[in-house]
Amino acid sequence: QVQLVESGGGLVQAGGSLRLSCAASGSIFNINALAWYRQAPGKQRELVAAMTSGGSTNYADFVKGRFTISRDNAKNTVYLQMTSLKPEDSAVYYCNINTRGVFRIDYWGQGTQVAVSA
C-alpha cells in the first residue's frame, strides 16, 4: 500500500523559509513525476513544482526563483524548499506522485499547512 506523509509545514513570517518533506512508502511503478500542489481556502488546488523521473523540473510562475523541488532516492523522500515566503503562499501543501501510462494513478499525501504572516 502506497503512503505519502508530508511534514515541515508551520507558521512563518513573510520573507522566511520552510522545507517541506514527503516520505513515500510502498511500491510505485512507472513513476512519471513527483510534485507539490497547494490549495488555499476557497481556491482550487494548483501545481507548485514538479520533477520528472528523469530529474527535469518545472515551477509555477508564482514560485520561480523562490522554491526548489528535490528528491532523495535513498530516503524515498521529496522536498520542497521554500524561501522568501509571502502571505499569499499560505495554503495546504500536498505531495503528489503520479504514474505514466494509459491509466494514470495519482498518489496524494494528507497535506501540511503553511501559514505566512505579514
C-alpha atoms as a PDB file:
ATOM      1  CA  GLN A   1       0.000   0.000   0.000  1.00  0.00           C
ATOM      2  CA  VAL A   2       1.418   3.355  -1.030  1.00  0.00           C
ATOM      3  CA  GLN A   3       1.554   6.082   1.561  1.00  0.00           C
ATOM      4  CA  LEU A   4       2.826   9.647   1.301  1.00  0.00           C
ATOM      5  CA  VAL A   5       3.422  11.561   4.510  1.00  0.00           C
ATOM      6  CA  GLU A   6       4.188  15.274   4.420  1.00  0.00           C
ATOM      7  CA  SER A   7       5.852  17.240   7.169  1.00  0.00           C
ATOM      8  CA  GLY A   8       7.573  20.550   7.695  1.00  0.00           C
ATOM      9  CA  GLY A   9       4.688  22.967   7.491  1.00  0.00           C
ATOM     10  CA  GLY A  10       4.082  25.661  10.039  1.00  0.00           C
ATOM     11  CA  LEU A  11       3.792  29.365  10.706  1.00  0.00           C
ATOM     12  CA  VAL A  12       6.500  31.654   9.403  1.00  0.00           C
ATOM     13  CA  GLN A  13       6.894  35.375   8.891  1.00  0.00           C
ATOM     14  CA  ALA A  14       6.995  36.875   5.435  1.00  0.00           C
ATOM     15  CA  GLY A  15      10.469  36.576   3.996  1.00  0.00           C
ATOM     16  CA  GLY A  16      11.160  33.409   5.926  1.00  0.00           C
ATOM     17  CA  SER A  17      11.830  29.875   4.766  1.00  0.00           C
ATOM     18  CA  LEU A  18      10.424  26.401   5.257  1.00  0.00           C
ATOM     19  CA  ARG A  19      11.344  22.997   3.937  1.00  0.00           C
ATOM     20  CA  LEU A  20       8.572  20.521   3.312  1.00  0.00           C
ATOM     21  CA  SER A  21       9.256  16.807   3.199  1.00  0.00           C
ATOM     22  CA  CYS A  22       7.234  13.985   1.698  1.00  0.00           C
ATOM     23  CA  ALA A  23       8.191  10.468   2.706  1.00  0.00           C
ATOM     24  CA  ALA A  24       6.900   7.736   0.436  1.00  0.00           C
ATOM     25  CA  SER A  25       6.390   4.127   1.381  1.00  0.00           C
ATOM     26  CA  GLY A  26       5.154   1.177  -0.613  1.00  0.00           C
ATOM     27  CA  SER A  27       5.893   0.223  -4.203  1.00  0.00           C
ATOM     28  CA  ILE A  28       5.155   2.650  -7.011  1.00  0.00           C
ATOM     29  CA  PHE A  29       5.811   1.545 -10.565  1.00  0.00           C
ATOM     30  CA  ASN A  30       6.247   3.623 -13.688  1.00  0.00           C
ATOM     31  CA  ILE A  31       6.634   6.924 -11.886  1.00  0.00           C
ATOM     32  CA  ASN A  32       6.055   9.843 -14.203  1.00  0.00           C
ATOM     33  CA  ALA A  33       6.633  12.727 -11.848  1.00  0.00           C
ATOM     34  CA  LEU A  34       6.888  13.894  -8.280  1.00  0.00           C
ATOM     35  CA  ALA A  35       5.075  17.104  -7.485  1.00  0.00           C
ATOM     36  CA  TRP A  36       3.898  19.563  -4.906  1.00  0.00           C
ATOM     37  CA  TYR A  37       0.487  21.187  -5.101  1.00  0.00           C
ATOM     38  CA  ARG A  38      -1.191  23.668  -2.838  1.00  0.00           C
ATOM     39  CA  GLN A  39      -4.706  24.695  -2.037  1.00  0.00           C
ATOM     40  CA  ALA A  40      -5.723  27.877  -0.292  1.00  0.00           C
ATOM     41  CA  PRO A  41      -9.196  28.296   1.246  1.00  0.00           C
ATOM     42  CA  GLY A  42     -11.811  28.886  -1.412  1.00  0.00           C
ATOM     43  CA  LYS A  43      -9.373  28.214  -4.242  1.00  0.00           C
ATOM     44  CA  GLN A  44      -8.634  25.282  -6.492  1.00  0.00           C
ATOM     45  CA  ARG A  45      -5.647  23.079  -5.936  1.00  0.00           C
ATOM     46  CA  GLU A  46      -2.743  24.298  -8.048  1.00  0.00           C
ATOM     47  CA  LEU A  47       0.576  22.891  -9.139  1.00  0.00           C
ATOM     48  CA  VAL A  48       3.557  24.439  -7.401  1.00  0.00           C
ATOM     49  CA  ALA A  49       6.522  22.398  -8.626  1.00  0.00           C
ATOM     50  CA  ALA A  50       7.208  19.088 -10.311  1.00  0.00           C
ATOM     51  CA  MET A  51      10.137  16.844 -11.067  1.00  0.00           C
ATOM     52  CA  THR A  52      10.040  14.120 -13.707  1.00  0.00           C
ATOM     53  CA  SER A  53      11.540  10.713 -13.151  1.00  0.00           C
ATOM     54  CA  GLY A  54      14.440  11.917 -15.281  1.00  0.00           C
ATOM     55  CA  GLY A  55      15.099  14.850 -12.995  1.00  0.00           C
ATOM     56  CA  SER A  56      13.691  17.707 -15.067  1.00  0.00           C
ATOM     57  CA  THR A  57      11.892  20.317 -13.021  1.00  0.00           C
ATOM     58  CA  ASN A  58       9.250  22.907 -13.654  1.00  0.00           C
ATOM     59  CA  TYR A  59       7.753  25.542 -11.418  1.00  0.00           C
ATOM     60  CA  ALA A  60       4.673  27.683 -11.343  1.00  0.00           C
ATOM     61  CA  ASP A  61       5.493  31.257 -12.249  1.00  0.00           C
ATOM     62  CA  PHE A  62       4.477  32.465  -8.813  1.00  0.00           C
ATOM     63  CA  VAL A  63       7.247  30.443  -7.099  1.00  0.00           C
ATOM     64  CA  LYS A  64      10.043  30.561  -9.658  1.00  0.00           C
ATOM     65  CA  GLY A  65      13.282  31.629  -8.084  1.00  0.00           C
ATOM     66  CA  ARG A  66      11.921  31.084  -4.573  1.00  0.00           C
ATOM     67  CA  PHE A  67      11.019  27.394  -4.304  1.00  0.00           C
ATOM     68  CA  THR A  68      13.097  24.343  -5.152  1.00  0.00           C
ATOM     69  CA  ILE A  69      11.902  20.770  -5.517  1.00  0.00           C
ATOM     70  CA  SER A  70      14.371  17.971  -4.889  1.00  0.00           C
ATOM     71  CA  ARG A  71      14.427  14.291  -4.023  1.00  0.00           C
ATOM     72  CA  ASP A  72      16.495  11.813  -2.083  1.00  0.00           C
ATOM     73  CA  ASN A  73      16.044   8.426  -3.685  1.00  0.00           C
ATOM     74  CA  ALA A  74      17.803   6.637  -0.848  1.00  0.00           C
ATOM     75  CA  LYS A  75      15.265   8.017   1.612  1.00  0.00           C
ATOM     76  CA  ASN A  76      12.269   7.845  -0.753  1.00  0.00           C
ATOM     77  CA  THR A  77      11.651  11.468   0.093  1.00  0.00           C
ATOM     78  CA  VAL A  78      10.695  14.521  -1.924  1.00  0.00           C
ATOM     79  CA  TYR A  79      11.418  18.005  -0.635  1.00  0.00           C
ATOM     80  CA  LEU A  80      10.153  21.477  -1.312  1.00  0.00           C
ATOM     81  CA  GLN A  81      12.493  24.207  -0.139  1.00  0.00           C
ATOM     82  CA  MET A  82      10.571  27.442   0.139  1.00  0.00           C
ATOM     83  CA  THR A  83      12.311  30.779   0.577  1.00  0.00           C
ATOM     84  CA  SER A  84      11.215  34.414   0.515  1.00  0.00           C
ATOM     85  CA  LEU A  85       7.776  33.319   1.589  1.00  0.00           C
ATOM     86  CA  LYS A  86       4.838  35.644   1.075  1.00  0.00           C
ATOM     87  CA  PRO A  87       1.446  35.736   2.777  1.00  0.00           C
ATOM     88  CA  GLU A  88      -0.122  34.564  -0.484  1.00  0.00           C
ATOM     89  CA  ASP A  89       1.891  31.350  -0.211  1.00  0.00           C
ATOM     90  CA  SER A  90      -0.301  30.347   2.734  1.00  0.00           C
ATOM     91  CA  ALA A  91      -2.095  27.117   1.866  1.00  0.00           C
ATOM     92  CA  VAL A  92      -2.217  23.411   2.493  1.00  0.00           C
ATOM     93  CA  TYR A  93       0.605  21.833   0.550  1.00  0.00           C
ATOM     94  CA  TYR A  94       0.161  18.353  -0.880  1.00  0.00           C
ATOM     95  CA  CYS A  95       2.718  15.902  -2.131  1.00  0.00           C
ATOM     96  CA  ASN A  96       1.836  14.018  -5.303  1.00  0.00           C
ATOM     97  CA  ILE A  97       3.380  11.107  -7.137  1.00  0.00           C
ATOM     98  CA  ASN A  98       1.849  10.159 -10.440  1.00  0.00           C
ATOM     99  CA  THR A  99       2.456   7.345 -12.856  1.00  0.00           C
ATOM    100  CA  ARG A 100       2.777   7.164 -16.605  1.00  0.00           C
ATOM    101  CA  GLY A 101       0.711   5.002 -18.878  1.00  0.00           C
ATOM    102  CA  VAL A 102      -2.818   4.791 -20.172  1.00  0.00           C
ATOM    103  CA  PHE A 103      -4.261   4.618 -16.689  1.00  0.00           C
ATOM    104  CA  ARG A 104      -2.511   7.305 -14.724  1.00  0.00           C
ATOM    105  CA  ILE A 105      -2.526   6.867 -10.962  1.00  0.00           C
ATOM    106  CA  ASP A 106      -2.153   9.814  -8.599  1.00  0.00           C
ATOM    107  CA  TYR A 107      -0.992   9.261  -5.057  1.00  0.00           C
ATOM    108  CA  TRP A 108      -1.544  12.054  -2.549  1.00  0.00           C
ATOM    109  CA  GLY A 109      -0.389  12.859   0.911  1.00  0.00           C
ATOM    110  CA  GLN A 110      -2.653  14.222   3.606  1.00  0.00           C
ATOM    111  CA  GLY A 111      -1.294  17.748   3.272  1.00  0.00           C
ATOM    112  CA  THR A 112       0.684  20.056   5.506  1.00  0.00           C
ATOM    113  CA  GLN A 113      -0.402  23.570   6.441  1.00  0.00           C
ATOM    114  CA  VAL A 114       1.813  26.530   5.643  1.00  0.00           C
ATOM    115  CA  ALA A 115       0.868  29.912   7.064  1.00  0.00           C
ATOM    116  CA  VAL A 116       2.852  33.032   6.277  1.00  0.00           C
ATOM    117  CA  SER A 117       2.220  36.123   8.359  1.00  0.00           C
ATOM    118  CA  ALA A 118       2.718  39.627   7.031  1.00  0.00           C
END
